[in-house]
PDB file of N, CA and C in Angstrom:
ATOM      1  N   MET A   1     -48.419 -98.371-143.259  1.00  0.00           N
ATOM      2  CA  MET A   1     -49.862 -98.430-143.268  1.00  0.00           C
ATOM      3  C   MET A   1     -50.325 -98.837-144.659  1.00  0.00           C
ATOM      4  N   THR A   2     -51.273 -99.758-144.722  1.00  0.00           N
ATOM      5  CA  THR A   2     -51.793-100.244-145.983  1.00  0.00           C
ATOM      6  C   THR A   2     -52.767 -99.240-146.584  1.00  0.00           C
ATOM      7  N   SER A   3     -52.587 -98.969-147.844  1.00  0.00           N
ATOM      8  CA  SER A   3     -53.515 -98.110-148.571  1.00  0.00           C
ATOM      9  C   SER A   3     -54.739 -98.945-148.936  1.00  0.00           C
ATOM     10  N   PRO A   4     -55.947 -98.351-148.911  1.00  0.00           N
ATOM     11  CA  PRO A   4     -57.142 -99.125-149.222  1.00  0.00           C
ATOM     12  C   PRO A   4     -57.122 -99.721-150.630  1.00  0.00           C
ATOM     13  N   GLU A   5     -56.427 -99.099-151.557  1.00  0.00           N
ATOM     14  CA  GLU A   5     -56.375 -99.613-152.917  1.00  0.00           C
ATOM     15  C   GLU A   5     -55.115-100.417-153.213  1.00  0.00           C
ATOM     16  N   ARG A   6     -54.234-100.574-152.237  1.00  0.00           N
ATOM     17  CA  ARG A   6     -52.976-101.286-152.444  1.00  0.00           C
ATOM     18  C   ARG A   6     -52.855-102.411-151.430  1.00  0.00           C
ATOM     19  N   PRO A   7     -52.527-103.631-151.895  1.00  0.00           N
ATOM     20  CA  PRO A   7     -52.411-104.746-150.957  1.00  0.00           C
ATOM     21  C   PRO A   7     -51.232-104.587-149.991  1.00  0.00           C
ATOM     22  N   ALA A   8     -51.344-105.237-148.858  1.00  0.00           N
ATOM     23  CA  ALA A   8     -50.287-105.196-147.849  1.00  0.00           C
ATOM     24  C   ALA A   8     -48.960-105.689-148.414  1.00  0.00           C
ATOM     25  N   ALA A   9     -49.014-106.638-149.333  1.00  0.00           N
ATOM     26  CA  ALA A   9     -47.779-107.151-149.948  1.00  0.00           C
ATOM     27  C   ALA A   9     -47.012-106.024-150.625  1.00  0.00           C
ATOM     28  N   HIS A  10     -47.716-105.116-151.281  1.00  0.00           N
ATOM     29  CA  HIS A  10     -47.042-104.005-151.948  1.00  0.00           C
ATOM     30  C   HIS A  10     -46.432-103.046-150.946  1.00  0.00           C
ATOM     31  N   ASP A  11     -47.119-102.805-149.832  1.00  0.00           N
ATOM     32  CA  ASP A  11     -46.534-101.949-148.795  1.00  0.00           C
ATOM     33  C   ASP A  11     -45.242-102.568-148.270  1.00  0.00           C
ATOM     34  N   TRP A  12     -45.253-103.875-148.058  1.00  0.00           N
ATOM     35  CA  TRP A  12     -44.049-104.567-147.588  1.00  0.00           C
ATOM     36  C   TRP A  12     -42.932-104.435-148.618  1.00  0.00           C
ATOM     37  N   VAL A  13     -43.243-104.623-149.902  1.00  0.00           N
ATOM     38  CA  VAL A  13     -42.236-104.513-150.958  1.00  0.00           C
ATOM     39  C   VAL A  13     -41.662-103.098-150.999  1.00  0.00           C
ATOM     40  N   ILE A  14     -42.522-102.102-150.960  1.00  0.00           N
ATOM     41  CA  ILE A  14     -42.042-100.712-150.980  1.00  0.00           C
ATOM     42  C   ILE A  14     -41.108-100.450-149.802  1.00  0.00           C
ATOM     43  N   ASN A  15     -41.526-100.830-148.599  1.00  0.00           N
ATOM     44  CA  ASN A  15     -40.685-100.610-147.412  1.00  0.00           C
ATOM     45  C   ASN A  15     -39.366-101.353-147.526  1.00  0.00           C
ATOM     46  N   THR A  16     -39.410-102.598-148.001  1.00  0.00           N
ATOM     47  CA  THR A  16     -38.196-103.407-148.153  1.00  0.00           C
ATOM     48  C   THR A  16     -37.248-102.761-149.156  1.00  0.00           C
ATOM     49  N   CYS A  17     -37.783-102.343-150.292  1.00  0.00           N
ATOM     50  CA  CYS A  17     -36.957-101.743-151.337  1.00  0.00           C
ATOM     51  C   CYS A  17     -36.376-100.398-150.904  1.00  0.00           C
ATOM     52  N   GLU A  18     -37.179 -99.581-150.253  1.00  0.00           N
ATOM     53  CA  GLU A  18     -36.670 -98.288-149.795  1.00  0.00           C
ATOM     54  C   GLU A  18     -35.581 -98.476-148.737  1.00  0.00           C
ATOM     55  N   ALA A  19     -35.703 -99.504-147.898  1.00  0.00           N
ATOM     56  CA  ALA A  19     -34.662 -99.792-146.906  1.00  0.00           C
ATOM     57  C   ALA A  19     -33.355-100.212-147.577  1.00  0.00           C
ATOM     58  N   LYS A  20     -33.442-100.709-148.803  1.00  0.00           N
ATOM     59  CA  LYS A  20     -32.261-101.119-149.565  1.00  0.00           C
ATOM     60  C   LYS A  20     -31.729 -99.980-150.440  1.00  0.00           C
ATOM     61  N   GLY A  21     -32.339 -98.797-150.323  1.00  0.00           N
ATOM     62  CA  GLY A  21     -31.858 -97.635-151.047  1.00  0.00           C
ATOM     63  C   GLY A  21     -32.550 -97.366-152.372  1.00  0.00           C
ATOM     64  N   LEU A  22     -33.585 -98.119-152.721  1.00  0.00           N
ATOM     65  CA  LEU A  22     -34.303 -97.865-153.962  1.00  0.00           C
ATOM     66  C   LEU A  22     -35.233 -96.674-153.777  1.00  0.00           C
ATOM     67  N   ILE A  23     -35.472 -95.978-154.859  1.00  0.00           N
ATOM     68  CA  ILE A  23     -36.288 -94.765-154.856  1.00  0.00           C
ATOM     69  C   ILE A  23     -37.586 -95.048-155.605  1.00  0.00           C
ATOM     70  N   GLN A  24     -38.688 -94.618-155.008  1.00  0.00           N
ATOM     71  CA  GLN A  24     -39.992 -94.829-155.619  1.00  0.00           C
ATOM     72  C   GLN A  24     -40.173 -93.908-156.824  1.00  0.00           C
ATOM     73  N   GLY A  25     -40.729 -94.488-157.894  1.00  0.00           N
ATOM     74  CA  GLY A  25     -41.033 -93.740-159.104  1.00  0.00           C
ATOM     75  C   GLY A  25     -42.345 -94.238-159.671  1.00  0.00           C
ATOM     76  N   SER A  26     -42.567 -93.947-160.941  1.00  0.00           N
ATOM     77  CA  SER A  26     -43.798 -94.359-161.600  1.00  0.00           C
ATOM     78  C   SER A  26     -43.495 -94.714-163.046  1.00  0.00           C
ATOM     79  N   HIS A  27     -44.152 -95.764-163.532  1.00  0.00           N
ATOM     80  CA  HIS A  27     -43.957 -96.247-164.900  1.00  0.00           C
ATOM     81  C   HIS A  27     -45.305 -96.712-165.421  1.00  0.00           C
ATOM     82  N   HIS A  28     -45.812 -96.057-166.447  1.00  0.00           N
ATOM     83  CA  HIS A  28     -47.129 -96.385-167.019  1.00  0.00           C
ATOM     84  C   HIS A  28     -48.220 -96.399-165.951  1.00  0.00           C
ATOM     85  N   GLY A  29     -48.166 -95.429-165.042  1.00  0.00           N
ATOM     86  CA  GLY A  29     -49.200 -95.294-164.024  1.00  0.00           C
ATOM     87  C   GLY A  29     -49.076 -96.246-162.850  1.00  0.00           C
ATOM     88  N   ARG A  30     -48.013 -97.017-162.793  1.00  0.00           N
ATOM     89  CA  ARG A  30     -47.794 -97.943-161.673  1.00  0.00           C
ATOM     90  C   ARG A  30     -46.549 -97.531-160.905  1.00  0.00           C
ATOM     91  N   ILE A  31     -46.570 -97.826-159.628  1.00  0.00           N
ATOM     92  CA  ILE A  31     -45.406 -97.548-158.786  1.00  0.00           C
ATOM     93  C   ILE A  31     -44.276 -98.489-159.177  1.00  0.00           C
ATOM     94  N   ASP A  32     -43.068 -97.935-159.257  1.00  0.00           N
ATOM     95  CA  ASP A  32     -41.877 -98.764-159.424  1.00  0.00           C
ATOM     96  C   ASP A  32     -40.838 -98.309-158.417  1.00  0.00           C
ATOM     97  N   LEU A  33     -39.795 -99.099-158.290  1.00  0.00           N
ATOM     98  CA  LEU A  33     -38.681 -98.776-157.397  1.00  0.00           C
ATOM     99  C   LEU A  33     -37.409 -98.870-158.216  1.00  0.00           C
ATOM    100  N   ARG A  34     -36.567 -97.834-158.072  1.00  0.00           N
ATOM    101  CA  ARG A  34     -35.428 -97.663-158.971  1.00  0.00           C
ATOM    102  C   ARG A  34     -34.098 -97.542-158.233  1.00  0.00           C
ATOM    103  N   LEU A  35     -33.070 -97.925-158.955  1.00  0.00           N
ATOM    104  CA  LEU A  35     -31.690 -97.758-158.526  1.00  0.00           C
ATOM    105  C   LEU A  35     -30.998 -96.926-159.596  1.00  0.00           C
ATOM    106  N   ASN A  36     -30.500 -95.772-159.224  1.00  0.00           N
ATOM    107  CA  ASN A  36     -29.828 -94.874-160.173  1.00  0.00           C
ATOM    108  C   ASN A  36     -30.677 -94.631-161.418  1.00  0.00           C
ATOM    109  N   GLY A  37     -31.977 -94.464-161.214  1.00  0.00           N
ATOM    110  CA  GLY A  37     -32.888 -94.169-162.315  1.00  0.00           C
ATOM    111  C   GLY A  37     -33.354 -95.366-163.109  1.00  0.00           C
ATOM    112  N   LYS A  38     -32.841 -96.549-162.807  1.00  0.00           N
ATOM    113  CA  LYS A  38     -33.219 -97.762-163.540  1.00  0.00           C
ATOM    114  C   LYS A  38     -34.212 -98.576-162.718  1.00  0.00           C
ATOM    115  N   ILE A  39     -35.248 -99.056-163.383  1.00  0.00           N
ATOM    116  CA  ILE A  39     -36.285 -99.824-162.694  1.00  0.00           C
ATOM    117  C   ILE A  39     -35.727-101.167-162.233  1.00  0.00           C
ATOM    118  N   VAL A  40     -36.000-101.487-160.964  1.00  0.00           N
ATOM    119  CA  VAL A  40     -35.639-102.771-160.372  1.00  0.00           C
ATOM    120  C   VAL A  40     -36.913-103.584-160.105  1.00  0.00           C
ATOM    121  N   VAL A  41     -37.946-102.901-159.603  1.00  0.00           N
ATOM    122  CA  VAL A  41     -39.205-103.557-159.213  1.00  0.00           C
ATOM    123  C   VAL A  41     -40.374-102.725-159.733  1.00  0.00           C
ATOM    124  N   ASN A  42     -41.335-103.388-160.366  1.00  0.00           N
ATOM    125  CA  ASN A  42     -42.615-102.774-160.741  1.00  0.00           C
ATOM    126  C   ASN A  42     -43.706-103.410-159.898  1.00  0.00           C
ATOM    127  N   LEU A  43     -44.602-102.615-159.342  1.00  0.00           N
ATOM    128  CA  LEU A  43     -45.775-103.162-158.657  1.00  0.00           C
ATOM    129  C   LEU A  43     -46.837-103.442-159.700  1.00  0.00           C
ATOM    130  N   GLU A  44     -47.417-104.617-159.652  1.00  0.00           N
ATOM    131  CA  GLU A  44     -48.436-105.038-160.604  1.00  0.00           C
ATOM    132  C   GLU A  44     -49.783-105.138-159.895  1.00  0.00           C
ATOM    133  N   ALA A  45     -50.770-105.659-160.585  1.00  0.00           N
ATOM    134  CA  ALA A  45     -52.095-105.839-159.994  1.00  0.00           C
ATOM    135  C   ALA A  45     -52.029-106.861-158.854  1.00  0.00           C
ATOM    136  N   ASP A  46     -52.990-106.781-157.979  1.00  0.00           N
ATOM    137  CA  ASP A  46     -53.097-107.691-156.838  1.00  0.00           C
ATOM    138  C   ASP A  46     -51.826-107.643-156.007  1.00  0.00           C
ATOM    139  N   ASP A  47     -51.247-108.810-155.719  1.00  0.00           N
ATOM    140  CA  ASP A  47     -50.055-108.869-154.870  1.00  0.00           C
ATOM    141  C   ASP A  47     -48.783-109.060-155.682  1.00  0.00           C
ATOM    142  N   ALA A  48     -48.836-108.882-156.991  1.00  0.00           N
ATOM    143  CA  ALA A  48     -47.706-109.225-157.855  1.00  0.00           C
ATOM    144  C   ALA A  48     -46.721-108.066-158.011  1.00  0.00           C
ATOM    145  N   ILE A  49     -45.468-108.456-158.261  1.00  0.00           N
ATOM    146  CA  ILE A  49     -44.413-107.517-158.630  1.00  0.00           C
ATOM    147  C   ILE A  49     -43.672-108.115-159.814  1.00  0.00           C
ATOM    148  N   THR A  50     -43.039-107.270-160.599  1.00  0.00           N
ATOM    149  CA  THR A  50     -42.162-107.735-161.671  1.00  0.00           C
ATOM    150  C   THR A  50     -40.779-107.198-161.380  1.00  0.00           C
ATOM    151  N   ILE A  51     -39.791-108.109-161.410  1.00  0.00           N
ATOM    152  CA  ILE A  51     -38.402-107.751-161.124  1.00  0.00           C
ATOM    153  C   ILE A  51     -37.507-108.307-162.227  1.00  0.00           C
ATOM    154  N   LYS A  52     -36.314-107.750-162.343  1.00  0.00           N
ATOM    155  CA  LYS A  52     -35.367-108.206-163.358  1.00  0.00           C
ATOM    156  C   LYS A  52     -34.361-109.163-162.722  1.00  0.00           C
ATOM    157  N   LEU A  53     -34.319-110.387-163.276  1.00  0.00           N
ATOM    158  CA  LEU A  53     -33.446-111.436-162.749  1.00  0.00           C
ATOM    159  C   LEU A  53     -32.547-111.978-163.856  1.00  0.00           C
ATOM    160  N   PRO A  54     -31.454-112.622-163.476  1.00  0.00           N
ATOM    161  CA  PRO A  54     -30.664-113.344-164.473  1.00  0.00           C
ATOM    162  C   PRO A  54     -31.525-114.449-165.087  1.00  0.00           C
ATOM    163  N   LEU A  55     -31.340-114.706-166.377  1.00  0.00           N
ATOM    164  CA  LEU A  55     -32.184-115.677-167.074  1.00  0.00           C
ATOM    165  C   LEU A  55     -32.117-117.077-166.462  1.00  0.00           C
ATOM    166  N   ASP A  56     -30.935-117.489-165.990  1.00  0.00           N
ATOM    167  CA  ASP A  56     -30.836-118.825-165.400  1.00  0.00           C
ATOM    168  C   ASP A  56     -31.645-118.919-164.107  1.00  0.00           C
ATOM    169  N   GLU A  57     -31.617-117.881-163.299  1.00  0.00           N
ATOM    170  CA  GLU A  57     -32.401-117.868-162.062  1.00  0.00           C
ATOM    171  C   GLU A  57     -33.893-117.820-162.372  1.00  0.00           C
ATOM    172  N   GLN A  58     -34.239-117.088-163.386  1.00  0.00           N
ATOM    173  CA  GLN A  58     -35.634-117.006-163.822  1.00  0.00           C
ATOM    174  C   GLN A  58     -36.171-118.409-164.138  1.00  0.00           C
ATOM    175  N   GLN A  59     -35.399-119.191-164.852  1.00  0.00           N
ATOM    176  CA  GLN A  59     -35.836-120.546-165.221  1.00  0.00           C
ATOM    177  C   GLN A  59     -35.980-121.457-164.006  1.00  0.00           C
ATOM    178  N   VAL A  60     -35.082-121.331-163.050  1.00  0.00           N
ATOM    179  CA  VAL A  60     -35.173-122.114-161.815  1.00  0.00           C
ATOM    180  C   VAL A  60     -36.475-121.786-161.087  1.00  0.00           C
ATOM    181  N   LEU A  61     -36.781-120.511-160.984  1.00  0.00           N
ATOM    182  CA  LEU A  61     -38.018-120.088-160.303  1.00  0.00           C
ATOM    183  C   LEU A  61     -39.264-120.578-161.020  1.00  0.00           C
ATOM    184  N   LEU A  62     -39.264-120.495-162.352  1.00  0.00           N
ATOM    185  CA  LEU A  62     -40.422-120.967-163.124  1.00  0.00           C
ATOM    186  C   LEU A  62     -40.680-122.449-162.881  1.00  0.00           C
ATOM    187  N   GLN A  63     -39.624-123.234-162.784  1.00  0.00           N
ATOM    188  CA  GLN A  63     -39.778-124.667-162.533  1.00  0.00           C
ATOM    189  C   GLN A  63     -40.194-124.949-161.096  1.00  0.00           C
ATOM    190  N   ALA A  64     -39.641-124.206-160.150  1.00  0.00           N
ATOM    191  CA  ALA A  64     -39.921-124.451-158.733  1.00  0.00           C
ATOM    192  C   ALA A  64     -41.295-123.936-158.308  1.00  0.00           C
ATOM    193  N   PHE A  65     -41.752-122.855-158.925  1.00  0.00           N
ATOM    194  CA  PHE A  65     -43.009-122.208-158.511  1.00  0.00           C
ATOM    195  C   PHE A  65     -43.879-121.891-159.729  1.00  0.00           C
ATOM    196  N   PRO A  66     -44.318-122.904-160.476  1.00  0.00           N
ATOM    197  CA  PRO A  66     -45.038-122.650-161.726  1.00  0.00           C
ATOM    198  C   PRO A  66     -46.356-121.892-161.568  1.00  0.00           C
ATOM    199  N   ASN A  67     -46.971-121.937-160.409  1.00  0.00           N
ATOM    200  CA  ASN A  67     -48.232-121.229-160.197  1.00  0.00           C
ATOM    201  C   ASN A  67     -48.048-119.836-159.608  1.00  0.00           C
ATOM    202  N   ASP A  68     -46.831-119.521-159.192  1.00  0.00           N
ATOM    203  CA  ASP A  68     -46.578-118.276-158.465  1.00  0.00           C
ATOM    204  C   ASP A  68     -45.618-117.331-159.180  1.00  0.00           C
ATOM    205  N   VAL A  69     -45.007-117.815-160.248  1.00  0.00           N
ATOM    206  CA  VAL A  69     -44.024-117.046-161.005  1.00  0.00           C
ATOM    207  C   VAL A  69     -44.384-117.178-162.484  1.00  0.00           C
ATOM    208  N   HIS A  70     -44.377-116.070-163.208  1.00  0.00           N
ATOM    209  CA  HIS A  70     -44.580-116.149-164.651  1.00  0.00           C
ATOM    210  C   HIS A  70     -43.828-115.017-165.348  1.00  0.00           C
ATOM    211  N   LEU A  71     -43.768-115.119-166.663  1.00  0.00           N
ATOM    212  CA  LEU A  71     -43.041-114.128-167.449  1.00  0.00           C
ATOM    213  C   LEU A  71     -44.014-113.157-168.089  1.00  0.00           C
ATOM    214  N   PRO A  72     -43.727-111.864-167.976  1.00  0.00           N
ATOM    215  CA  PRO A  72     -44.579-110.884-168.644  1.00  0.00           C
ATOM    216  C   PRO A  72     -44.370-110.974-170.158  1.00  0.00           C
ATOM    217  N   ASN A  73     -45.431-110.844-170.898  1.00  0.00           N
ATOM    218  CA  ASN A  73     -45.354-110.937-172.362  1.00  0.00           C
ATOM    219  C   ASN A  73     -44.293-110.006-172.918  1.00  0.00           C
ATOM    220  N   GLY A  74     -43.425-110.555-173.743  1.00  0.00           N
ATOM    221  CA  GLY A  74     -42.426-109.752-174.436  1.00  0.00           C
ATOM    222  C   GLY A  74     -41.207-109.370-173.619  1.00  0.00           C
ATOM    223  N   TRP A  75     -41.331-109.302-172.311  1.00  0.00           N
ATOM    224  CA  TRP A  75     -40.223-108.833-171.493  1.00  0.00           C
ATOM    225  C   TRP A  75     -39.506-109.956-170.750  1.00  0.00           C
ATOM    226  N   GLY A  76     -40.098-111.134-170.719  1.00  0.00           N
ATOM    227  CA  GLY A  76     -39.500-112.255-170.002  1.00  0.00           C
ATOM    228  C   GLY A  76     -38.126-112.632-170.525  1.00  0.00           C
ATOM    229  N   HIS A  77     -37.928-112.517-171.833  1.00  0.00           N
ATOM    230  CA  HIS A  77     -36.624-112.900-172.387  1.00  0.00           C
ATOM    231  C   HIS A  77     -35.521-111.899-172.044  1.00  0.00           C
ATOM    232  N   HIS A  78     -35.886-110.797-171.391  1.00  0.00           N
ATOM    233  CA  HIS A  78     -34.903-109.832-170.891  1.00  0.00           C
ATOM    234  C   HIS A  78     -34.646-110.024-169.395  1.00  0.00           C
ATOM    235  N   GLY A  79     -35.275-111.034-168.801  1.00  0.00           N
ATOM    236  CA  GLY A  79     -35.079-111.308-167.385  1.00  0.00           C
ATOM    237  C   GLY A  79     -36.209-110.835-166.491  1.00  0.00           C
ATOM    238  N   TRP A  80     -37.161-110.077-167.046  1.00  0.00           N
ATOM    239  CA  TRP A  80     -38.269-109.595-166.223  1.00  0.00           C
ATOM    240  C   TRP A  80     -39.157-110.770-165.840  1.00  0.00           C
ATOM    241  N   THR A  81     -39.442-110.858-164.555  1.00  0.00           N
ATOM    242  CA  THR A  81     -40.128-112.003-163.973  1.00  0.00           C
ATOM    243  C   THR A  81     -41.186-111.499-163.000  1.00  0.00           C
ATOM    244  N   THR A  82     -42.413-112.011-163.132  1.00  0.00           N
ATOM    245  CA  THR A  82     -43.500-111.592-162.253  1.00  0.00           C
ATOM    246  C   THR A  82     -43.675-112.606-161.137  1.00  0.00           C
ATOM    247  N   LEU A  83     -43.727-112.114-159.904  1.00  0.00           N
ATOM    248  CA  LEU A  83     -43.870-112.942-158.701  1.00  0.00           C
ATOM    249  C   LEU A  83     -45.136-112.542-157.966  1.00  0.00           C
ATOM    250  N   HIS A  84     -45.843-113.513-157.430  1.00  0.00           N
ATOM    251  CA  HIS A  84     -46.968-113.226-156.546  1.00  0.00           C
ATOM    252  C   HIS A  84     -46.428-113.260-155.122  1.00  0.00           C
ATOM    253  N   VAL A  85     -46.234-112.091-154.561  1.00  0.00           N
ATOM    254  CA  VAL A  85     -45.537-111.922-153.291  1.00  0.00           C
ATOM    255  C   VAL A  85     -46.194-112.710-152.161  1.00  0.00           C
ATOM    256  N   ASP A  86     -47.511-112.688-152.063  1.00  0.00           N
ATOM    257  CA  ASP A  86     -48.185-113.376-150.958  1.00  0.00           C
ATOM    258  C   ASP A  86     -48.175-114.885-151.086  1.00  0.00           C
ATOM    259  N   ARG A  87     -47.753-115.411-152.218  1.00  0.00           N
ATOM    260  CA  ARG A  87     -47.696-116.867-152.402  1.00  0.00           C
ATOM    261  C   ARG A  87     -46.294-117.418-152.175  1.00  0.00           C
ATOM    262  N   LEU A  88     -45.318-116.540-152.024  1.00  0.00           N
ATOM    263  CA  LEU A  88     -43.924-116.935-151.804  1.00  0.00           C
ATOM    264  C   LEU A  88     -43.489-116.445-150.425  1.00  0.00           C
ATOM    265  N   SER A  89     -42.468-117.085-149.871  1.00  0.00           N
ATOM    266  CA  SER A  89     -42.000-116.642-148.558  1.00  0.00           C
ATOM    267  C   SER A  89     -41.367-115.255-148.679  1.00  0.00           C
ATOM    268  N   ARG A  90     -41.519-114.481-147.627  1.00  0.00           N
ATOM    269  CA  ARG A  90     -40.925-113.136-147.620  1.00  0.00           C
ATOM    270  C   ARG A  90     -39.403-113.226-147.712  1.00  0.00           C
ATOM    271  N   ASP A  91     -38.814-114.266-147.107  1.00  0.00           N
ATOM    272  CA  ASP A  91     -37.357-114.431-147.204  1.00  0.00           C
ATOM    273  C   ASP A  91     -36.930-114.627-148.659  1.00  0.00           C
ATOM    274  N   LEU A  92     -37.676-115.459-149.394  1.00  0.00           N
ATOM    275  CA  LEU A  92     -37.350-115.676-150.807  1.00  0.00           C
ATOM    276  C   LEU A  92     -37.527-114.397-151.606  1.00  0.00           C
ATOM    277  N   VAL A  93     -38.624-113.704-151.413  1.00  0.00           N
ATOM    278  CA  VAL A  93     -38.855-112.453-152.151  1.00  0.00           C
ATOM    279  C   VAL A  93     -37.757-111.444-151.826  1.00  0.00           C
ATOM    280  N   ASN A  94     -37.362-111.355-150.578  1.00  0.00           N
ATOM    281  CA  ASN A  94     -36.277-110.453-150.179  1.00  0.00           C
ATOM    282  C   ASN A  94     -34.985-110.806-150.915  1.00  0.00           C
ATOM    283  N   GLU A  95     -34.657-112.089-150.986  1.00  0.00           N
ATOM    284  CA  GLU A  95     -33.455-112.535-151.707  1.00  0.00           C
ATOM    285  C   GLU A  95     -33.558-112.188-153.190  1.00  0.00           C
ATOM    286  N   LEU A  96     -34.744-112.367-153.758  1.00  0.00           N
ATOM    287  CA  LEU A  96     -34.932-112.075-155.180  1.00  0.00           C
ATOM    288  C   LEU A  96     -34.835-110.570-155.455  1.00  0.00           C
ATOM    289  N   ILE A  97     -35.311-109.756-154.546  1.00  0.00           N
ATOM    290  CA  ILE A  97     -35.145-108.302-154.695  1.00  0.00           C
ATOM    291  C   ILE A  97     -33.655-107.949-154.660  1.00  0.00           C
ATOM    292  N   ASP A  98     -32.899-108.565-153.750  1.00  0.00           N
ATOM    293  CA  ASP A  98     -31.447-108.334-153.714  1.00  0.00           C
ATOM    294  C   ASP A  98     -30.807-108.743-155.043  1.00  0.00           C
ATOM    295  N   MET A  99     -31.241-109.883-155.581  1.00  0.00           N
ATOM    296  CA  MET A  99     -30.710-110.358-156.861  1.00  0.00           C
ATOM    297  C   MET A  99     -31.062-109.379-157.984  1.00  0.00           C
ATOM    298  N   ALA A 100     -32.287-108.855-157.953  1.00  0.00           N
ATOM    299  CA  ALA A 100     -32.703-107.885-158.969  1.00  0.00           C
ATOM    300  C   ALA A 100     -31.876-106.611-158.879  1.00  0.00           C
ATOM    301  N   ILE A 101     -31.612-106.156-157.675  1.00  0.00           N
ATOM    302  CA  ILE A 101     -30.769-104.966-157.488  1.00  0.00           C
ATOM    303  C   ILE A 101     -29.397-105.216-158.099  1.00  0.00           C
ATOM    304  N   HIS A 102     -28.817-106.362-157.807  1.00  0.00           N
ATOM    305  CA  HIS A 102     -27.496-106.709-158.349  1.00  0.00           C
ATOM    306  C   HIS A 102     -27.543-106.796-159.881  1.00  0.00           C
ATOM    307  N   THR A 103     -28.617-107.392-160.404  1.00  0.00           N
ATOM    308  CA  THR A 103     -28.757-107.549-161.852  1.00  0.00           C
ATOM    309  C   THR A 103     -28.834-106.200-162.549  1.00  0.00           C
ATOM    310  N   VAL A 104     -29.593-105.273-161.991  1.00  0.00           N
ATOM    311  CA  VAL A 104     -29.722-103.943-162.601  1.00  0.00           C
ATOM    312  C   VAL A 104     -28.448-103.132-162.414  1.00  0.00           C
ATOM    313  N   ALA A 105     -27.811-103.264-161.270  1.00  0.00           N
ATOM    314  CA  ALA A 105     -26.596-102.491-160.977  1.00  0.00           C
ATOM    315  C   ALA A 105     -25.393-102.980-161.778  1.00  0.00           C
ATOM    316  N   ASN A 106     -25.409-104.262-162.160  1.00  0.00           N
ATOM    317  CA  ASN A 106     -24.268-104.868-162.840  1.00  0.00           C
ATOM    318  C   ASN A 106     -24.707-105.560-164.129  1.00  0.00           C
ATOM    319  N   PRO A 107     -25.176-104.811-165.117  1.00  0.00           N
ATOM    320  CA  PRO A 107     -25.631-105.455-166.354  1.00  0.00           C
ATOM    321  C   PRO A 107     -24.463-106.143-167.056  1.00  0.00           C
ATOM    322  N   ARG A 108     -24.785-107.199-167.758  1.00  0.00           N
ATOM    323  CA  ARG A 108     -23.731-107.955-168.453  1.00  0.00           C
ATOM    324  C   ARG A 108     -23.339-107.309-169.736  1.00  0.00           C
TER     325      ARG A 108
END
């Protein structure tokens, strides 16, 4: 069920992440989803989420979706990437969440 203050995209992300075993938490007053206590997904304003990706994949996404993907100030060089969920296909976002889980679970 969609919360009046939360977009449907965020409800979908939460349900998708929890189905993958992530646990809901909070970071600076925003909902996040974690694996073994480490943040994988942060819910942002509107329909956006920030996830941690490998830097090479981050660059591919920035080139392919310049209006729908951007880097958060200061954190982009660590792989954190902001996606507008409603502007990208759910299949792609699902794949990127899987990639973020792998990235956090297997740091280099």
